[in-house]
C-alpha atoms as a PDB file:
ATOM      1  CA  MET A   1     -51.971  36.442  94.325  1.00  0.00           C
ATOM      2  CA  LYS A   2     -55.237  35.700  92.579  1.00  0.00           C
ATOM      3  CA  GLN A   3     -56.127  37.117  89.193  1.00  0.00           C
ATOM      4  CA  PHE A   4     -58.936  36.772  86.669  1.00  0.00           C
ATOM      5  CA  ASP A   5     -58.450  33.643  84.556  1.00  0.00           C
ATOM      6  CA  PHE A   6     -59.958  34.284  81.123  1.00  0.00           C
ATOM      7  CA  LYS A   7     -59.545  30.599  80.200  1.00  0.00           C
ATOM      8  CA  LYS A   8     -62.274  29.791  82.698  1.00  0.00           C
ATOM      9  CA  ILE A   9     -64.817  31.571  80.504  1.00  0.00           C
ATOM     10  CA  ARG A  10     -64.499  28.834  77.894  1.00  0.00           C
ATOM     11  CA  GLU A  11     -64.417  26.109  80.536  1.00  0.00           C
ATOM     12  CA  PHE A  12     -67.641  27.322  82.163  1.00  0.00           C
ATOM     13  CA  ARG A  13     -69.323  28.081  78.814  1.00  0.00           C
ATOM     14  CA  GLU A  14     -68.645  24.594  77.488  1.00  0.00           C
ATOM     15  CA  ALA A  15     -69.723  22.987  80.767  1.00  0.00           C
ATOM     16  CA  ALA A  16     -73.016  24.861  80.382  1.00  0.00           C
ATOM     17  CA  GLY A  17     -73.394  23.490  76.848  1.00  0.00           C
ATOM     18  CA  MET A  18     -73.232  26.946  75.267  1.00  0.00           C
ATOM     19  CA  THR A  19     -71.563  28.156  72.113  1.00  0.00           C
ATOM     20  CA  GLN A  20     -69.807  31.515  71.982  1.00  0.00           C
ATOM     21  CA  ASN A  21     -72.884  32.837  70.163  1.00  0.00           C
ATOM     22  CA  ASP A  22     -75.196  31.539  72.895  1.00  0.00           C
ATOM     23  CA  LEU A  23     -73.177  33.208  75.631  1.00  0.00           C
ATOM     24  CA  ALA A  24     -72.859  36.462  73.707  1.00  0.00           C
ATOM     25  CA  ARG A  25     -76.603  36.535  73.120  1.00  0.00           C
ATOM     26  CA  LYS A  26     -77.314  36.008  76.826  1.00  0.00           C
ATOM     27  CA  MET A  27     -74.886  38.788  77.696  1.00  0.00           C
ATOM     28  CA  GLY A  28     -76.073  41.197  75.000  1.00  0.00           C
ATOM     29  CA  ILE A  29     -72.644  41.514  73.385  1.00  0.00           C
ATOM     30  CA  HIS A  30     -71.076  40.453  70.099  1.00  0.00           C
ATOM     31  CA  SER A  31     -69.742  36.887  69.902  1.00  0.00           C
ATOM     32  CA  GLN A  32     -66.374  38.263  68.743  1.00  0.00           C
ATOM     33  CA  GLN A  33     -65.909  39.663  72.264  1.00  0.00           C
ATOM     34  CA  ILE A  34     -66.368  36.194  73.755  1.00  0.00           C
ATOM     35  CA  CYS A  35     -63.746  34.865  71.342  1.00  0.00           C
ATOM     36  CA  GLU A  36     -61.357  37.659  72.303  1.00  0.00           C
ATOM     37  CA  PHE A  37     -61.873  37.055  76.024  1.00  0.00           C
ATOM     38  CA  GLU A  38     -61.340  33.313  75.702  1.00  0.00           C
ATOM     39  CA  SER A  39     -58.182  33.745  73.629  1.00  0.00           C
ATOM     40  CA  GLU A  40     -56.954  36.449  76.020  1.00  0.00           C
ATOM     41  CA  ARG A  41     -56.653  39.010  73.219  1.00  0.00           C
ATOM     42  CA  MET A  42     -58.975  41.274  75.197  1.00  0.00           C
ATOM     43  CA  THR A  43     -58.218  41.285  78.885  1.00  0.00           C
ATOM     44  CA  GLY A  44     -60.118  44.349  80.008  1.00  0.00           C
ATOM     45  CA  LEU A  45     -63.374  43.388  81.682  1.00  0.00           C
ATOM     46  CA  ASN A  46     -65.535  46.120  83.194  1.00  0.00           C
ATOM     47  CA  THR A  47     -67.868  45.447  86.109  1.00  0.00           C
ATOM     48  CA  ARG A  48     -70.995  45.467  83.949  1.00  0.00           C
ATOM     49  CA  THR A  49     -69.549  42.853  81.595  1.00  0.00           C
ATOM     50  CA  LEU A  50     -68.312  40.761  84.519  1.00  0.00           C
ATOM     51  CA  ALA A  51     -71.766  40.884  86.137  1.00  0.00           C
ATOM     52  CA  SER A  52     -73.390  39.881  82.843  1.00  0.00           C
ATOM     53  CA  LEU A  53     -70.896  37.044  82.382  1.00  0.00           C
ATOM     54  CA  CYS A  54     -71.574  35.745  85.888  1.00  0.00           C
ATOM     55  CA  ASP A  55     -75.343  35.926  85.380  1.00  0.00           C
ATOM     56  CA  ALA A  56     -75.162  34.148  82.023  1.00  0.00           C
ATOM     57  CA  LEU A  57     -73.014  31.313  83.379  1.00  0.00           C
ATOM     58  CA  GLY A  58     -74.493  31.065  86.877  1.00  0.00           C
ATOM     59  CA  LYS A  59     -71.159  31.928  88.486  1.00  0.00           C
ATOM     60  CA  VAL A  60     -69.785  34.492  90.921  1.00  0.00           C
ATOM     61  CA  PRO A  61     -66.687  36.612  90.226  1.00  0.00           C
ATOM     62  CA  ASN A  62     -64.506  34.525  92.536  1.00  0.00           C
ATOM     63  CA  ASP A  63     -65.178  31.475  90.343  1.00  0.00           C
ATOM     64  CA  PHE A  64     -63.028  33.122  87.644  1.00  0.00           C
ATOM     65  CA  LEU A  65     -60.026  33.700  89.889  1.00  0.00           C
ATOM     66  CA  SER A  66     -56.934  31.539  89.984  1.00  0.00           C
ATOM     67  CA  GLU A  67     -53.473  31.800  91.439  1.00  0.00           C
ATOM     68  CA  SER A  68     -51.239  33.894  89.244  1.00  0.00           C
ATOM     69  CA  ARG A  69     -48.045  32.343  88.027  1.00  0.00           C
ATOM     70  CA  ARG A  70     -44.704  34.007  87.743  1.00  0.00           C
ATOM     71  CA  PRO A  71     -43.556  34.320  84.117  1.00  0.00           C
ATOM     72  CA  HIS A  72     -40.877  31.630  84.495  1.00  0.00           C
ATOM     73  CA  GLU A  73     -43.429  29.192  85.968  1.00  0.00           C
ATOM     74  CA  ALA A  74     -45.772  29.581  83.003  1.00  0.00           C
ATOM     75  CA  GLN A  75     -43.133  28.117  80.670  1.00  0.00           C
ATOM     76  CA  LYS A  76     -42.736  24.849  82.603  1.00  0.00           C
END
């Protein structure tokens, strides 16, 4: 089953040569939110924020999906 992978936000942001502040500015949100998304402290992402994130990084929602792991697999 695929799920949103918040770690990809940082991966794509860094590949684009952006800081958290740069991305937040492009999205019209506070940079603290970017930090919380990347550290998975905030895992709720509404459609407007997802659309803004995709626009800012030149991605589509499917780019942020990855196979989910079962809890015991994550510890390996």
